[in-house]
Protein backbone atom coordinates (compact mmCIF):
# COMPACT_ATOMS: atom_id res chain seq x y z
CA MET A 1 -46.14 31.88 25.68
CA ILE A 2 -45.74 29.77 22.60
CA ARG A 3 -42.41 28.14 21.95
CA MET A 4 -41.20 27.48 18.48
CA SER A 5 -39.65 24.13 18.28
CA GLN A 6 -36.09 24.16 17.03
CA PRO A 7 -34.96 21.52 14.62
CA ARG A 8 -33.44 18.61 16.49
CA LYS A 9 -29.73 18.11 16.02
CA GLU A 10 -28.75 14.53 15.68
CA LEU A 11 -25.99 13.24 17.86
CA ILE A 12 -22.78 12.28 16.13
CA THR A 13 -22.42 8.60 16.85
CA LYS A 14 -19.80 7.71 14.26
CA VAL A 15 -16.20 8.88 14.00
CA ASN A 16 -14.54 9.02 10.63
CA VAL A 17 -11.18 7.24 11.13
CA LEU A 18 -10.15 7.28 7.47
CA PRO A 19 -7.98 10.43 7.80
CA LEU A 20 -6.27 8.92 10.84
CA VAL A 21 -5.51 5.73 8.92
CA ASP A 22 -4.11 7.77 6.02
CA VAL A 23 -1.78 9.71 8.31
CA CYS A 24 -0.62 6.52 10.04
CA LEU A 25 0.18 4.84 6.72
CA VAL A 26 2.19 7.86 5.57
CA LEU A 27 4.16 7.80 8.84
CA VAL A 28 4.86 4.07 8.46
CA ILE A 29 6.17 4.64 4.94
CA ILE A 30 8.39 7.51 6.13
CA PHE A 31 9.83 5.36 8.93
CA MET A 32 10.44 2.45 6.56
CA ILE A 33 12.42 4.70 4.22
CA THR A 34 14.43 6.57 6.86
CA ALA A 35 15.23 3.72 9.28
CA PRO A 36 17.94 2.09 7.11
CA LEU A 37 19.59 5.48 6.65
CA MET A 38 19.92 5.89 10.42
CA MET A 39 21.80 2.60 10.72
CA GLN A 40 24.69 3.69 8.47
CA PRO A 41 28.03 3.94 10.31
CA VAL A 42 29.64 7.32 10.88
CA MET A 43 32.86 6.33 9.14
CA GLU A 44 33.39 4.03 6.20
CA VAL A 45 35.76 1.18 7.05
CA LYS A 46 36.83 -1.78 4.96
CA LEU A 47 36.22 -4.80 7.19
CA PRO A 48 38.46 -7.86 6.92
CA LYS A 49 36.99 -10.91 5.21
CA ALA A 50 36.37 -14.09 7.21
CA VAL A 51 34.15 -17.13 7.40
CA THR A 52 31.76 -16.19 10.20
CA VAL A 53 28.42 -16.98 11.73
CA GLU A 54 25.71 -14.34 11.55
CA GLY A 55 25.63 -12.19 14.68
CA GLU A 56 22.72 -12.21 17.08
CA GLU A 57 20.36 -9.27 17.20
CA LYS A 58 21.11 -7.55 20.48
CA GLU A 59 21.39 -4.07 21.86
CA ASN A 60 24.91 -3.58 20.51
CA ILE A 61 27.51 -0.93 21.12
CA ALA A 62 29.80 -0.55 18.09
CA ILE A 63 33.28 0.94 18.23
CA THR A 64 34.42 1.97 14.74
CA ILE A 65 38.13 2.50 14.04
CA ALA A 66 38.98 4.13 10.70
CA LEU A 67 42.23 3.74 8.77
CA ASN A 68 43.29 7.28 9.71
CA GLY A 69 42.95 6.51 13.44
CA LYS A 70 39.61 8.25 13.98
CA ILE A 71 37.23 6.48 16.33
CA ALA A 72 33.47 6.50 16.87
CA VAL A 73 31.03 4.83 19.25
CA ASN A 74 27.83 3.96 17.37
CA GLU A 75 26.96 7.22 15.61
CA LYS A 76 29.15 9.53 17.71
CA GLU A 77 32.68 10.38 16.57
CA LEU A 78 35.06 11.15 19.44
CA THR A 79 38.67 11.15 20.59
CA TRP A 80 40.60 8.37 22.30
CA GLU A 81 40.62 10.42 25.52
CA LYS A 82 36.80 10.59 25.62
CA LEU A 83 36.34 6.92 24.68
CA PRO A 84 36.44 5.42 28.22
CA ALA A 85 33.80 7.79 29.62
CA GLU A 86 31.48 7.35 26.61
CA LEU A 87 31.81 3.54 26.67
CA THR A 88 31.24 3.35 30.41
CA GLU A 89 28.03 5.38 30.08
CA ARG A 90 26.70 3.35 27.15
CA ILE A 91 27.60 -0.02 28.69
CA ASN A 92 25.96 0.94 32.00
CA HIS A 93 22.73 1.70 30.10
CA SER A 94 22.98 -1.44 27.98
CA ARG A 95 21.19 -4.60 28.99
CA ASP A 96 23.49 -6.96 27.03
CA LYS A 97 26.84 -5.19 27.63
CA PHE A 98 27.90 -6.45 24.16
CA VAL A 99 30.54 -4.48 22.20
CA ILE A 100 31.41 -4.88 18.51
CA ILE A 101 34.77 -3.64 17.25
CA ARG A 102 34.53 -2.48 13.61
CA ALA A 103 38.14 -1.79 12.58
CA ASP A 104 39.36 -1.13 9.06
CA GLU A 105 41.36 -4.13 7.84
CA ASN A 106 44.43 -1.90 7.40
CA ALA A 107 44.05 -0.10 10.74
CA SER A 108 46.64 -0.61 13.45
CA HIS A 109 46.20 -3.77 15.51
CA GLY A 110 47.38 -1.75 18.48
CA GLU A 111 44.40 0.60 18.16
CA MET A 112 42.03 -2.37 17.98
CA LEU A 113 43.60 -3.94 21.09
CA LYS A 114 43.44 -0.57 22.88
CA ALA A 115 39.72 -0.30 22.05
CA MET A 116 39.15 -3.84 23.34
CA ARG A 117 40.99 -3.06 26.58
CA VAL A 118 39.00 0.15 27.10
CA ALA A 119 35.72 -1.72 26.45
CA LYS A 120 36.61 -4.45 28.96
CA ASP A 121 37.61 -1.84 31.55
CA ALA A 122 34.31 -0.02 30.92
CA GLY A 123 32.35 -3.17 31.81
CA ALA A 124 31.74 -4.97 28.51
CA LYS A 125 30.76 -8.62 29.08
CA LYS A 126 31.27 -9.76 25.47
CA LEU A 127 33.47 -8.44 22.67
CA THR A 128 33.47 -9.36 19.01
CA ILE A 129 35.30 -8.17 15.91
CA ALA A 130 33.16 -7.36 12.88
CA THR A 131 34.12 -8.95 9.56
CA GLU A 132 32.61 -9.32 6.09
CA GLN A 133 31.47 -12.69 4.80
CA ARG A 134 34.00 -14.30 2.49
CA LYS A 135 32.37 -15.31 -0.79
């Protein structure tokens, strides 16, 4: 029996990574464009002006109090009744236990103090009030 020799197939020893690099660069560009949009607060508030020191970068929990009395924790708008449970959960999962109060400059001081009291009761170790730099 005579065998016909088949053409030898060469082994693929190189992998073309150029398409992978292209996809990764596109993803990086998409993340660079969308990341700042994700950091926008839920409610627009006009912060009071003060001479302040720049805040440290930490794993922050922000309580936002709008002029109309609405309240939000980070990106989640909620009611005053749900605030203690939400803060307790977020503070328990936070390494720094650092809370920032972002209250509109014309919002009630009572609401700001109430938010501070709820944050302390929920386990916050540090509280700060957000302000804008005076120019």
